[in-house]
């Protein structure tokens, strides 16, 4: 579990550095590019590869609960971001596209699971 916490901490740190929310530094173009590449690699590793192995029913249940919590948190955060940006009149289309993709992927996966059963 310590490795998972370290990867999650690294990801948060990279995303904060990349987002630069308080404009506390002025990275060069190369530094920004390296941060983007490393952040993408960490996201891919953490989201797709980290601890995804076969297990028993309890392990499967834990993964399903973690996936559901992550999905719900993502929907809530993206919805709030879309709402706040919409109020300001500058809604980012990537947020809407991400929300649509998440919902459509859930609907398609659910339909496929029901059909395969």
PDB file of N, CA and C in Angstrom:
ATOM      1  N   UNK A   1       0.816  -1.195   0.000  1.00  0.00           N
ATOM      2  CA  UNK A   1       0.000   0.000   0.000  1.00  0.00           C
ATOM      3  C   UNK A   1       0.862   1.263   0.000  1.00  0.00           C
ATOM      4  N   UNK A   2       2.042   1.190   0.563  1.00  0.00           N
ATOM      5  CA  UNK A   2       2.903   2.376   0.621  1.00  0.00           C
ATOM      6  C   UNK A   2       3.263   2.826  -0.790  1.00  0.00           C
ATOM      7  N   UNK A   3       3.532   1.870  -1.676  1.00  0.00           N
ATOM      8  CA  UNK A   3       3.872   2.217  -3.052  1.00  0.00           C
ATOM      9  C   UNK A   3       2.709   2.945  -3.734  1.00  0.00           C
ATOM     10  N   UNK A   4       1.472   2.487  -3.484  1.00  0.00           N
ATOM     11  CA  UNK A   4       0.307   3.152  -4.063  1.00  0.00           C
ATOM     12  C   UNK A   4       0.186   4.579  -3.552  1.00  0.00           C
ATOM     13  N   UNK A   5       0.420   4.776  -2.267  1.00  0.00           N
ATOM     14  CA  UNK A   5       0.362   6.126  -1.701  1.00  0.00           C
ATOM     15  C   UNK A   5       1.458   7.023  -2.284  1.00  0.00           C
ATOM     16  N   UNK A   6       2.630   6.444  -2.503  1.00  0.00           N
ATOM     17  CA  UNK A   6       3.712   7.230  -3.105  1.00  0.00           C
ATOM     18  C   UNK A   6       3.382   7.625  -4.543  1.00  0.00           C
ATOM     19  N   UNK A   7       2.821   6.699  -5.308  1.00  0.00           N
ATOM     20  CA  UNK A   7       2.445   7.012  -6.691  1.00  0.00           C
ATOM     21  C   UNK A   7       1.350   8.075  -6.710  1.00  0.00           C
ATOM     22  N   UNK A   8       0.365   7.950  -5.827  1.00  0.00           N
ATOM     23  CA  UNK A   8      -0.710   8.942  -5.759  1.00  0.00           C
ATOM     24  C   UNK A   8      -0.162  10.311  -5.346  1.00  0.00           C
ATOM     25  N   UNK A   9       0.749  10.332  -4.387  1.00  0.00           N
ATOM     26  CA  UNK A   9       1.364  11.595  -3.956  1.00  0.00           C
ATOM     27  C   UNK A   9       2.173  12.218  -5.080  1.00  0.00           C
ATOM     28  N   UNK A  10       2.930  11.389  -5.795  1.00  0.00           N
ATOM     29  CA  UNK A  10       3.704  11.890  -6.939  1.00  0.00           C
ATOM     30  C   UNK A  10       2.783  12.475  -7.990  1.00  0.00           C
ATOM     31  N   UNK A  11       1.679  11.807  -8.259  1.00  0.00           N
ATOM     32  CA  UNK A  11       0.727  12.298  -9.250  1.00  0.00           C
ATOM     33  C   UNK A  11       0.142  13.641  -8.831  1.00  0.00           C
ATOM     34  N   UNK A  12      -0.276  13.755  -7.589  1.00  0.00           N
ATOM     35  CA  UNK A  12      -0.830  15.030  -7.105  1.00  0.00           C
ATOM     36  C   UNK A  12       0.212  16.130  -7.195  1.00  0.00           C
ATOM     37  N   UNK A  13       1.431  15.838  -6.791  1.00  0.00           N
ATOM     38  CA  UNK A  13       2.504  16.830  -6.848  1.00  0.00           C
ATOM     39  C   UNK A  13       2.761  17.267  -8.292  1.00  0.00           C
ATOM     40  N   UNK A  14       2.819  16.319  -9.210  1.00  0.00           N
ATOM     41  CA  UNK A  14       3.045  16.659 -10.617  1.00  0.00           C
ATOM     42  C   UNK A  14       1.911  17.504 -11.178  1.00  0.00           C
ATOM     43  N   UNK A  15       0.686  17.148 -10.845  1.00  0.00           N
ATOM     44  CA  UNK A  15      -0.450  17.898 -11.364  1.00  0.00           C
ATOM     45  C   UNK A  15      -0.515  19.304 -10.770  1.00  0.00           C
ATOM     46  N   UNK A  16      -0.136  19.461  -9.507  1.00  0.00           N
ATOM     47  CA  UNK A  16      -0.087  20.804  -8.909  1.00  0.00           C
ATOM     48  C   UNK A  16       1.004  21.626  -9.581  1.00  0.00           C
ATOM     49  N   UNK A  17       2.170  21.026  -9.778  1.00  0.00           N
ATOM     50  CA  UNK A  17       3.241  21.744 -10.472  1.00  0.00           C
ATOM     51  C   UNK A  17       2.835  22.106 -11.898  1.00  0.00           C
ATOM     52  N   UNK A  18       2.153  21.193 -12.556  1.00  0.00           N
ATOM     53  CA  UNK A  18       1.728  21.437 -13.925  1.00  0.00           C
ATOM     54  C   UNK A  18       0.641  22.506 -13.999  1.00  0.00           C
ATOM     55  N   UNK A  19      -0.301  22.434 -13.079  1.00  0.00           N
ATOM     56  CA  UNK A  19      -1.385  23.413 -13.057  1.00  0.00           C
ATOM     57  C   UNK A  19      -0.943  24.781 -12.589  1.00  0.00           C
ATOM     58  N   UNK A  20       0.080  24.826 -11.720  1.00  0.00           N
ATOM     59  CA  UNK A  20       0.627  26.082 -11.198  1.00  0.00           C
ATOM     60  C   UNK A  20      -0.503  27.001 -10.728  1.00  0.00           C
ATOM     61  N   UNK A  21      -1.296  26.562  -9.747  1.00  0.00           N
ATOM     62  CA  UNK A  21      -2.502  27.304  -9.393  1.00  0.00           C
ATOM     63  C   UNK A  21      -2.254  28.694  -8.806  1.00  0.00           C
ATOM     64  N   UNK A  22      -1.145  28.907  -8.145  1.00  0.00           N
ATOM     65  CA  UNK A  22      -0.886  30.199  -7.521  1.00  0.00           C
ATOM     66  C   UNK A  22       0.198  30.980  -8.255  1.00  0.00           C
ATOM     67  N   UNK A  23       0.543  30.529  -9.457  1.00  0.00           N
ATOM     68  CA  UNK A  23       1.570  31.175 -10.275  1.00  0.00           C
ATOM     69  C   UNK A  23       2.854  31.429  -9.476  1.00  0.00           C
ATOM     70  N   UNK A  24       3.275  30.396  -8.755  1.00  0.00           N
ATOM     71  CA  UNK A  24       4.460  30.546  -7.926  1.00  0.00           C
ATOM     72  C   UNK A  24       5.756  30.266  -8.664  1.00  0.00           C
ATOM     73  N   UNK A  25       5.671  29.878  -9.916  1.00  0.00           N
ATOM     74  CA  UNK A  25       6.893  29.689 -10.694  1.00  0.00           C
ATOM     75  C   UNK A  25       6.583  29.872 -12.170  1.00  0.00           C
ATOM     76  N   UNK A  26       7.606  30.159 -12.933  1.00  0.00           N
ATOM     77  CA  UNK A  26       7.462  30.347 -14.373  1.00  0.00           C
ATOM     78  C   UNK A  26       8.328  29.310 -15.074  1.00  0.00           C
ATOM     79  N   UNK A  27       7.736  28.152 -15.364  1.00  0.00           N
ATOM     80  CA  UNK A  27       8.534  27.098 -15.998  1.00  0.00           C
ATOM     81  C   UNK A  27       8.823  27.422 -17.458  1.00  0.00           C
ATOM     82  N   UNK A  28       9.955  26.913 -17.919  1.00  0.00           N
ATOM     83  CA  UNK A  28      10.266  27.053 -19.338  1.00  0.00           C
ATOM     84  C   UNK A  28       9.387  26.080 -20.124  1.00  0.00           C
ATOM     85  N   UNK A  29       9.384  26.237 -21.435  1.00  0.00           N
ATOM     86  CA  UNK A  29       8.574  25.355 -22.280  1.00  0.00           C
ATOM     87  C   UNK A  29       9.040  23.905 -22.128  1.00  0.00           C
ATOM     88  N   UNK A  30      10.344  23.696 -22.031  1.00  0.00           N
ATOM     89  CA  UNK A  30      10.874  22.341 -21.894  1.00  0.00           C
ATOM     90  C   UNK A  30      10.455  21.728 -20.556  1.00  0.00           C
ATOM     91  N   UNK A  31      10.499  22.505 -19.489  1.00  0.00           N
ATOM     92  CA  UNK A  31      10.092  22.007 -18.179  1.00  0.00           C
ATOM     93  C   UNK A  31       8.618  21.621 -18.197  1.00  0.00           C
ATOM     94  N   UNK A  32       7.794  22.438 -18.807  1.00  0.00           N
ATOM     95  CA  UNK A  32       6.369  22.138 -18.905  1.00  0.00           C
ATOM     96  C   UNK A  32       6.141  20.872 -19.720  1.00  0.00           C
ATOM     97  N   UNK A  33       6.846  20.730 -20.814  1.00  0.00           N
ATOM     98  CA  UNK A  33       6.710  19.539 -21.645  1.00  0.00           C
ATOM     99  C   UNK A  33       7.108  18.279 -20.874  1.00  0.00           C
ATOM    100  N   UNK A  34       8.208  18.340 -20.150  1.00  0.00           N
ATOM    101  CA  UNK A  34       8.652  17.194 -19.351  1.00  0.00           C
ATOM    102  C   UNK A  34       7.616  16.876 -18.276  1.00  0.00           C
ATOM    103  N   UNK A  35       7.058  17.907 -17.619  1.00  0.00           N
ATOM    104  CA  UNK A  35       6.034  17.685 -16.602  1.00  0.00           C
ATOM    105  C   UNK A  35       4.793  17.021 -17.202  1.00  0.00           C
ATOM    106  N   UNK A  36       4.393  17.457 -18.376  1.00  0.00           N
ATOM    107  CA  UNK A  36       3.226  16.861 -19.030  1.00  0.00           C
ATOM    108  C   UNK A  36       3.487  15.394 -19.344  1.00  0.00           C
ATOM    109  N   UNK A  37       4.645  15.096 -19.910  1.00  0.00           N
ATOM    110  CA  UNK A  37       4.968  13.708 -20.272  1.00  0.00           C
ATOM    111  C   UNK A  37       5.021  12.825 -19.025  1.00  0.00           C
ATOM    112  N   UNK A  38       5.685  13.298 -17.978  1.00  0.00           N
ATOM    113  CA  UNK A  38       5.789  12.504 -16.752  1.00  0.00           C
ATOM    114  C   UNK A  38       4.414  12.339 -16.105  1.00  0.00           C
ATOM    115  N   UNK A  39       3.613  13.403 -16.086  1.00  0.00           N
ATOM    116  CA  UNK A  39       2.273  13.312 -15.503  1.00  0.00           C
ATOM    117  C   UNK A  39       1.415  12.317 -16.272  1.00  0.00           C
ATOM    118  N   UNK A  40       1.497  12.333 -17.589  1.00  0.00           N
ATOM    119  CA  UNK A  40       0.723  11.379 -18.407  1.00  0.00           C
ATOM    120  C   UNK A  40       1.178   9.955 -18.122  1.00  0.00           C
ATOM    121  N   UNK A  41       2.475   9.738 -18.033  1.00  0.00           N
ATOM    122  CA  UNK A  41       2.980   8.390 -17.739  1.00  0.00           C
ATOM    123  C   UNK A  41       2.528   7.913 -16.362  1.00  0.00           C
ATOM    124  N   UNK A  42       2.558   8.804 -15.364  1.00  0.00           N
ATOM    125  CA  UNK A  42       2.126   8.422 -14.019  1.00  0.00           C
ATOM    126  C   UNK A  42       0.624   8.141 -14.011  1.00  0.00           C
ATOM    127  N   UNK A  43      -0.160   8.950 -14.718  1.00  0.00           N
ATOM    128  CA  UNK A  43      -1.604   8.715 -14.789  1.00  0.00           C
ATOM    129  C   UNK A  43      -1.891   7.374 -15.448  1.00  0.00           C
ATOM    130  N   UNK A  44      -1.215   7.079 -16.533  1.00  0.00           N
ATOM    131  CA  UNK A  44      -1.416   5.792 -17.208  1.00  0.00           C
ATOM    132  C   UNK A  44      -1.042   4.648 -16.279  1.00  0.00           C
ATOM    133  N   UNK A  45       0.095   4.768 -15.611  1.00  0.00           N
ATOM    134  CA  UNK A  45       0.519   3.708 -14.703  1.00  0.00           C
ATOM    135  C   UNK A  45      -0.459   3.545 -13.541  1.00  0.00           C
ATOM    136  N   UNK A  46      -0.805   4.664 -12.895  1.00  0.00           N
ATOM    137  CA  UNK A  46      -1.676   4.594 -11.720  1.00  0.00           C
ATOM    138  C   UNK A  46      -3.096   4.180 -12.095  1.00  0.00           C
ATOM    139  N   UNK A  47      -3.569   4.640 -13.234  1.00  0.00           N
ATOM    140  CA  UNK A  47      -4.944   4.358 -13.604  1.00  0.00           C
ATOM    141  C   UNK A  47      -5.168   3.015 -14.265  1.00  0.00           C
ATOM    142  N   UNK A  48      -4.161   2.500 -14.935  1.00  0.00           N
ATOM    143  CA  UNK A  48      -4.380   1.281 -15.703  1.00  0.00           C
ATOM    144  C   UNK A  48      -3.578   0.069 -15.233  1.00  0.00           C
ATOM    145  N   UNK A  49      -2.421   0.273 -14.686  1.00  0.00           N
ATOM    146  CA  UNK A  49      -1.521  -0.845 -14.431  1.00  0.00           C
ATOM    147  C   UNK A  49      -1.375  -1.175 -12.947  1.00  0.00           C
ATOM    148  N   UNK A  50      -1.305  -0.171 -12.098  1.00  0.00           N
ATOM    149  CA  UNK A  50      -0.995  -0.348 -10.677  1.00  0.00           C
ATOM    150  C   UNK A  50      -1.968  -1.304  -9.991  1.00  0.00           C
ATOM    151  N   UNK A  51      -1.477  -2.397  -9.514  1.00  0.00           N
ATOM    152  CA  UNK A  51      -2.200  -3.371  -8.704  1.00  0.00           C
ATOM    153  C   UNK A  51      -3.414  -3.991  -9.395  1.00  0.00           C
ATOM    154  N   UNK A  52      -3.396  -4.110 -10.691  1.00  0.00           N
ATOM    155  CA  UNK A  52      -4.489  -4.763 -11.409  1.00  0.00           C
ATOM    156  C   UNK A  52      -4.083  -6.199 -11.713  1.00  0.00           C
ATOM    157  N   UNK A  53      -4.340  -7.073 -10.768  1.00  0.00           N
ATOM    158  CA  UNK A  53      -4.049  -8.489 -10.928  1.00  0.00           C
ATOM    159  C   UNK A  53      -5.303  -9.290 -10.572  1.00  0.00           C
ATOM    160  N   UNK A  54      -5.264 -10.543 -10.942  1.00  0.00           N
ATOM    161  CA  UNK A  54      -6.373 -11.409 -10.561  1.00  0.00           C
ATOM    162  C   UNK A  54      -6.368 -11.606  -9.058  1.00  0.00           C
ATOM    163  N   UNK A  55      -7.544 -11.837  -8.532  1.00  0.00           N
ATOM    164  CA  UNK A  55      -7.660 -12.088  -7.105  1.00  0.00           C
ATOM    165  C   UNK A  55      -8.958 -12.807  -6.817  1.00  0.00           C
ATOM    166  N   UNK A  56      -9.259 -12.933  -5.547  1.00  0.00           N
ATOM    167  CA  UNK A  56     -10.496 -13.604  -5.174  1.00  0.00           C
ATOM    168  C   UNK A  56     -11.655 -12.608  -5.209  1.00  0.00           C
ATOM    169  N   UNK A  57     -12.816 -13.036  -4.745  1.00  0.00           N
ATOM    170  CA  UNK A  57     -14.017 -12.214  -4.826  1.00  0.00           C
ATOM    171  C   UNK A  57     -13.901 -10.949  -3.975  1.00  0.00           C
ATOM    172  N   UNK A  58     -13.239 -11.048  -2.829  1.00  0.00           N
ATOM    173  CA  UNK A  58     -13.080  -9.852  -1.978  1.00  0.00           C
ATOM    174  C   UNK A  58     -12.242  -8.806  -2.677  1.00  0.00           C
ATOM    175  N   UNK A  59     -11.171  -9.236  -3.306  1.00  0.00           N
ATOM    176  CA  UNK A  59     -10.308  -8.304  -4.029  1.00  0.00           C
ATOM    177  C   UNK A  59     -11.067  -7.664  -5.181  1.00  0.00           C
ATOM    178  N   UNK A  60     -11.863  -8.445  -5.872  1.00  0.00           N
ATOM    179  CA  UNK A  60     -12.685  -7.916  -6.955  1.00  0.00           C
ATOM    180  C   UNK A  60     -13.683  -6.882  -6.424  1.00  0.00           C
ATOM    181  N   UNK A  61     -14.297  -7.176  -5.291  1.00  0.00           N
ATOM    182  CA  UNK A  61     -15.232  -6.230  -4.678  1.00  0.00           C
ATOM    183  C   UNK A  61     -14.521  -4.935  -4.287  1.00  0.00           C
ATOM    184  N   UNK A  62     -13.331  -5.045  -3.714  1.00  0.00           N
ATOM    185  CA  UNK A  62     -12.568  -3.847  -3.327  1.00  0.00           C
ATOM    186  C   UNK A  62     -12.233  -2.996  -4.550  1.00  0.00           C
ATOM    187  N   UNK A  63     -11.834  -3.640  -5.647  1.00  0.00           N
ATOM    188  CA  UNK A  63     -11.533  -2.897  -6.874  1.00  0.00           C
ATOM    189  C   UNK A  63     -12.777  -2.224  -7.432  1.00  0.00           C
ATOM    190  N   UNK A  64     -13.901  -2.928  -7.384  1.00  0.00           N
ATOM    191  CA  UNK A  64     -15.142  -2.346  -7.892  1.00  0.00           C
ATOM    192  C   UNK A  64     -15.566  -1.150  -7.048  1.00  0.00           C
ATOM    193  N   UNK A  65     -15.437  -1.253  -5.739  1.00  0.00           N
ATOM    194  CA  UNK A  65     -15.788  -0.125  -4.865  1.00  0.00           C
ATOM    195  C   UNK A  65     -14.853   1.064  -5.088  1.00  0.00           C
ATOM    196  N   UNK A  66     -13.567   0.794  -5.249  1.00  0.00           N
ATOM    197  CA  UNK A  66     -12.611   1.870  -5.508  1.00  0.00           C
ATOM    198  C   UNK A  66     -12.894   2.534  -6.852  1.00  0.00           C
ATOM    199  N   UNK A  67     -13.233   1.731  -7.855  1.00  0.00           N
ATOM    200  CA  UNK A  67     -13.552   2.276  -9.172  1.00  0.00           C
ATOM    201  C   UNK A  67     -14.814   3.117  -9.118  1.00  0.00           C
ATOM    202  N   UNK A  68     -15.791   2.668  -8.389  1.00  0.00           N
ATOM    203  CA  UNK A  68     -17.038   3.429  -8.270  1.00  0.00           C
ATOM    204  C   UNK A  68     -16.792   4.755  -7.552  1.00  0.00           C
ATOM    205  N   UNK A  69     -16.018   4.725  -6.474  1.00  0.00           N
ATOM    206  CA  UNK A  69     -15.717   5.957  -5.749  1.00  0.00           C
ATOM    207  C   UNK A  69     -14.949   6.935  -6.635  1.00  0.00           C
ATOM    208  N   UNK A  70     -13.996   6.424  -7.407  1.00  0.00           N
ATOM    209  CA  UNK A  70     -13.219   7.287  -8.299  1.00  0.00           C
ATOM    210  C   UNK A  70     -14.108   7.870  -9.395  1.00  0.00           C
ATOM    211  N   UNK A  71     -14.991   7.057  -9.940  1.00  0.00           N
ATOM    212  CA  UNK A  71     -15.907   7.527 -10.984  1.00  0.00           C
ATOM    213  C   UNK A  71     -16.814   8.630 -10.430  1.00  0.00           C
ATOM    214  N   UNK A  72     -17.395   8.388  -9.272  1.00  0.00           N
ATOM    215  CA  UNK A  72     -18.288   9.380  -8.680  1.00  0.00           C
ATOM    216  C   UNK A  72     -17.554  10.667  -8.332  1.00  0.00           C
ATOM    217  N   UNK A  73     -16.354  10.549  -7.801  1.00  0.00           N
ATOM    218  CA  UNK A  73     -15.563  11.751  -7.478  1.00  0.00           C
ATOM    219  C   UNK A  73     -15.230  12.524  -8.752  1.00  0.00           C
ATOM    220  N   UNK A  74     -14.861  11.809  -9.810  1.00  0.00           N
ATOM    221  CA  UNK A  74     -14.567  12.472 -11.079  1.00  0.00           C
ATOM    222  C   UNK A  74     -15.773  13.187 -11.643  1.00  0.00           C
ATOM    223  N   UNK A  75     -16.948  12.538 -11.592  1.00  0.00           N
ATOM    224  CA  UNK A  75     -18.177  13.162 -12.076  1.00  0.00           C
ATOM    225  C   UNK A  75     -18.491  14.422 -11.274  1.00  0.00           C
ATOM    226  N   UNK A  76     -18.361  14.345  -9.951  1.00  0.00           N
ATOM    227  CA  UNK A  76     -18.668  15.503  -9.102  1.00  0.00           C
ATOM    228  C   UNK A  76     -17.721  16.658  -9.388  1.00  0.00           C
ATOM    229  N   UNK A  77     -16.428  16.389  -9.425  1.00  0.00           N
ATOM    230  CA  UNK A  77     -15.447  17.453  -9.648  1.00  0.00           C
ATOM    231  C   UNK A  77     -15.620  18.075 -11.031  1.00  0.00           C
ATOM    232  N   UNK A  78     -15.785  17.252 -12.055  1.00  0.00           N
ATOM    233  CA  UNK A  78     -15.953  17.788 -13.401  1.00  0.00           C
ATOM    234  C   UNK A  78     -17.267  18.551 -13.554  1.00  0.00           C
ATOM    235  N   UNK A  79     -18.313  18.096 -12.888  1.00  0.00           N
ATOM    236  CA  UNK A  79     -19.590  18.804 -12.943  1.00  0.00           C
ATOM    237  C   UNK A  79     -19.477  20.169 -12.267  1.00  0.00           C
ATOM    238  N   UNK A  80     -18.817  20.221 -11.122  1.00  0.00           N
ATOM    239  CA  UNK A  80     -18.605  21.502 -10.437  1.00  0.00           C
ATOM    240  C   UNK A  80     -17.756  22.427 -11.301  1.00  0.00           C
ATOM    241  N   UNK A  81     -16.711  21.892 -11.918  1.00  0.00           N
ATOM    242  CA  UNK A  81     -15.864  22.711 -12.797  1.00  0.00           C
ATOM    243  C   UNK A  81     -16.663  23.248 -13.974  1.00  0.00           C
ATOM    244  N   UNK A  82     -17.491  22.394 -14.574  1.00  0.00           N
ATOM    245  CA  UNK A  82     -18.315  22.829 -15.706  1.00  0.00           C
ATOM    246  C   UNK A  82     -19.314  23.895 -15.265  1.00  0.00           C
ATOM    247  N   UNK A  83     -19.910  23.716 -14.101  1.00  0.00           N
ATOM    248  CA  UNK A  83     -20.862  24.681 -13.570  1.00  0.00           C
ATOM    249  C   UNK A  83     -20.194  26.032 -13.310  1.00  0.00           C
ATOM    250  N   UNK A  84     -19.050  26.017 -12.630  1.00  0.00           N
ATOM    251  CA  UNK A  84     -18.354  27.264 -12.319  1.00  0.00           C
ATOM    252  C   UNK A  84     -17.868  27.967 -13.578  1.00  0.00           C
ATOM    253  N   UNK A  85     -17.343  27.198 -14.522  1.00  0.00           N
ATOM    254  CA  UNK A  85     -16.897  27.817 -15.769  1.00  0.00           C
ATOM    255  C   UNK A  85     -18.082  28.305 -16.592  1.00  0.00           C
ATOM    256  N   UNK A  86     -19.192  27.592 -16.543  1.00  0.00           N
ATOM    257  CA  UNK A  86     -20.384  28.011 -17.275  1.00  0.00           C
ATOM    258  C   UNK A  86     -20.946  29.307 -16.731  1.00  0.00           C
ATOM    259  N   UNK A  87     -20.889  29.475 -15.419  1.00  0.00           N
ATOM    260  CA  UNK A  87     -21.359  30.720 -14.809  1.00  0.00           C
ATOM    261  C   UNK A  87     -20.509  31.895 -15.283  1.00  0.00           C
ATOM    262  N   UNK A  88     -19.208  31.660 -15.421  1.00  0.00           N
ATOM    263  CA  UNK A  88     -18.301  32.714 -15.900  1.00  0.00           C
ATOM    264  C   UNK A  88     -18.381  32.913 -17.407  1.00  0.00           C
ATOM    265  N   UNK A  89     -19.054  32.011 -18.097  1.00  0.00           N
ATOM    266  CA  UNK A  89     -19.192  32.133 -19.537  1.00  0.00           C
ATOM    267  C   UNK A  89     -18.002  31.632 -20.323  1.00  0.00           C
ATOM    268  N   UNK A  90     -17.196  30.784 -19.716  1.00  0.00           N
ATOM    269  CA  UNK A  90     -15.997  30.266 -20.389  1.00  0.00           C
ATOM    270  C   UNK A  90     -15.861  28.762 -20.183  1.00  0.00           C
ATOM    271  N   UNK A  91     -16.922  28.033 -20.466  1.00  0.00           N
ATOM    272  CA  UNK A  91     -16.919  26.587 -20.255  1.00  0.00           C
ATOM    273  C   UNK A  91     -15.931  25.905 -21.197  1.00  0.00           C
ATOM    274  N   UNK A  92     -15.052  25.109 -20.611  1.00  0.00           N
ATOM    275  CA  UNK A  92     -14.047  24.377 -21.375  1.00  0.00           C
ATOM    276  C   UNK A  92     -14.703  23.163 -22.032  1.00  0.00           C
ATOM    277  N   UNK A  93     -14.591  23.027 -23.338  1.00  0.00           N
ATOM    278  CA  UNK A  93     -15.237  21.890 -24.008  1.00  0.00           C
ATOM    279  C   UNK A  93     -14.635  20.546 -23.597  1.00  0.00           C
ATOM    280  N   UNK A  94     -13.399  20.528 -23.131  1.00  0.00           N
ATOM    281  CA  UNK A  94     -12.784  19.268 -22.710  1.00  0.00           C
ATOM    282  C   UNK A  94     -13.451  18.712 -21.458  1.00  0.00           C
ATOM    283  N   UNK A  95     -13.928  19.604 -20.597  1.00  0.00           N
ATOM    284  CA  UNK A  95     -14.629  19.132 -19.400  1.00  0.00           C
ATOM    285  C   UNK A  95     -15.934  18.465 -19.804  1.00  0.00           C
ATOM    286  N   UNK A  96     -16.680  19.102 -20.690  1.00  0.00           N
ATOM    287  CA  UNK A  96     -17.936  18.517 -21.169  1.00  0.00           C
ATOM    288  C   UNK A  96     -17.676  17.208 -21.905  1.00  0.00           C
ATOM    289  N   UNK A  97     -16.629  17.172 -22.715  1.00  0.00           N
ATOM    290  CA  UNK A  97     -16.296  15.949 -23.445  1.00  0.00           C
ATOM    291  C   UNK A  97     -15.904  14.824 -22.488  1.00  0.00           C
ATOM    292  N   UNK A  98     -15.176  15.158 -21.455  1.00  0.00           N
ATOM    293  CA  UNK A  98     -14.778  14.147 -20.471  1.00  0.00           C
ATOM    294  C   UNK A  98     -15.991  13.611 -19.726  1.00  0.00           C
ATOM    295  N   UNK A  99     -16.883  14.496 -19.320  1.00  0.00           N
ATOM    296  CA  UNK A  99     -18.110  14.053 -18.647  1.00  0.00           C
ATOM    297  C   UNK A  99     -18.941  13.148 -19.561  1.00  0.00           C
ATOM    298  N   UNK A 100     -19.100  13.556 -20.802  1.00  0.00           N
ATOM    299  CA  UNK A 100     -19.867  12.751 -21.750  1.00  0.00           C
ATOM    300  C   UNK A 100     -19.218  11.385 -21.957  1.00  0.00           C
ATOM    301  N   UNK A 101     -17.904  11.367 -22.076  1.00  0.00           N
ATOM    302  CA  UNK A 101     -17.186  10.100 -22.270  1.00  0.00           C
ATOM    303  C   UNK A 101     -17.350   9.184 -21.072  1.00  0.00           C
ATOM    304  N   UNK A 102     -17.256   9.747 -19.871  1.00  0.00           N
ATOM    305  CA  UNK A 102     -17.407   8.933 -18.667  1.00  0.00           C
ATOM    306  C   UNK A 102     -18.805   8.314 -18.587  1.00  0.00           C
ATOM    307  N   UNK A 103     -19.817   9.125 -18.851  1.00  0.00           N
ATOM    308  CA  UNK A 103     -21.189   8.629 -18.763  1.00  0.00           C
ATOM    309  C   UNK A 103     -21.464   7.609 -19.869  1.00  0.00           C
ATOM    310  N   UNK A 104     -21.026   7.911 -21.087  1.00  0.00           N
ATOM    311  CA  UNK A 104     -21.244   6.960 -22.191  1.00  0.00           C
ATOM    312  C   UNK A 104     -20.499   5.648 -21.960  1.00  0.00           C
ATOM    313  N   UNK A 105     -19.284   5.725 -21.442  1.00  0.00           N
ATOM    314  CA  UNK A 105     -18.530   4.497 -21.158  1.00  0.00           C
ATOM    315  C   UNK A 105     -19.235   3.665 -20.099  1.00  0.00           C
ATOM    316  N   UNK A 106     -19.814   4.323 -19.117  1.00  0.00           N
ATOM    317  CA  UNK A 106     -20.537   3.587 -18.086  1.00  0.00           C
ATOM    318  C   UNK A 106     -21.770   2.915 -18.672  1.00  0.00           C
ATOM    319  N   UNK A 107     -22.524   3.632 -19.497  1.00  0.00           N
ATOM    320  CA  UNK A 107     -23.733   3.077 -20.100  1.00  0.00           C
ATOM    321  C   UNK A 107     -23.384   1.895 -21.008  1.00  0.00           C
ATOM    322  N   UNK A 108     -22.355   2.052 -21.837  1.00  0.00           N
ATOM    323  CA  UNK A 108     -21.956   0.985 -22.750  1.00  0.00           C
ATOM    324  C   UNK A 108     -21.449  -0.227 -21.970  1.00  0.00           C
ATOM    325  N   UNK A 109     -20.634  -0.002 -20.951  1.00  0.00           N
ATOM    326  CA  UNK A 109     -20.119  -1.122 -20.145  1.00  0.00           C
ATOM    327  C   UNK A 109     -21.249  -1.839 -19.432  1.00  0.00           C
ATOM    328  N   UNK A 110     -22.198  -1.076 -18.946  1.00  0.00           N
ATOM    329  CA  UNK A 110     -23.337  -1.695 -18.264  1.00  0.00           C
ATOM    330  C   UNK A 110     -24.177  -2.528 -19.220  1.00  0.00           C
ATOM    331  N   UNK A 111     -24.415  -1.989 -20.418  1.00  0.00           N
ATOM    332  CA  UNK A 111     -25.181  -2.718 -21.416  1.00  0.00           C
ATOM    333  C   UNK A 111     -24.451  -3.987 -21.851  1.00  0.00           C
ATOM    334  N   UNK A 112     -23.139  -3.878 -22.038  1.00  0.00           N
ATOM    335  CA  UNK A 112     -22.346  -5.040 -22.429  1.00  0.00           C
ATOM    336  C   UNK A 112     -22.369  -6.103 -21.332  1.00  0.00           C
ATOM    337  N   UNK A 113     -22.253  -5.669 -20.076  1.00  0.00           N
ATOM    338  CA  UNK A 113     -22.270  -6.623 -18.953  1.00  0.00           C
ATOM    339  C   UNK A 113     -23.616  -7.318 -18.852  1.00  0.00           C
ATOM    340  N   UNK A 114     -24.694  -6.568 -19.035  1.00  0.00           N
ATOM    341  CA  UNK A 114     -26.039  -7.183 -18.983  1.00  0.00           C
ATOM    342  C   UNK A 114     -26.247  -8.155 -20.120  1.00  0.00           C
ATOM    343  N   UNK A 115     -25.729  -7.815 -21.292  1.00  0.00           N
ATOM    344  CA  UNK A 115     -25.867  -8.680 -22.462  1.00  0.00           C
ATOM    345  C   UNK A 115     -25.015  -9.947 -22.323  1.00  0.00           C
ATOM    346  N   UNK A 116     -23.812  -9.799 -21.770  1.00  0.00           N
ATOM    347  CA  UNK A 116     -22.897 -10.931 -21.617  1.00  0.00           C
ATOM    348  C   UNK A 116     -23.346 -11.882 -20.517  1.00  0.00           C
ATOM    349  N   UNK A 117     -24.145 -11.409 -19.629  1.00  0.00           N
ATOM    350  CA  UNK A 117     -24.612 -12.243 -18.518  1.00  0.00           C
ATOM    351  C   UNK A 117     -25.573 -13.208 -19.008  1.00  0.00           C
TER     352      UNK A 117
END
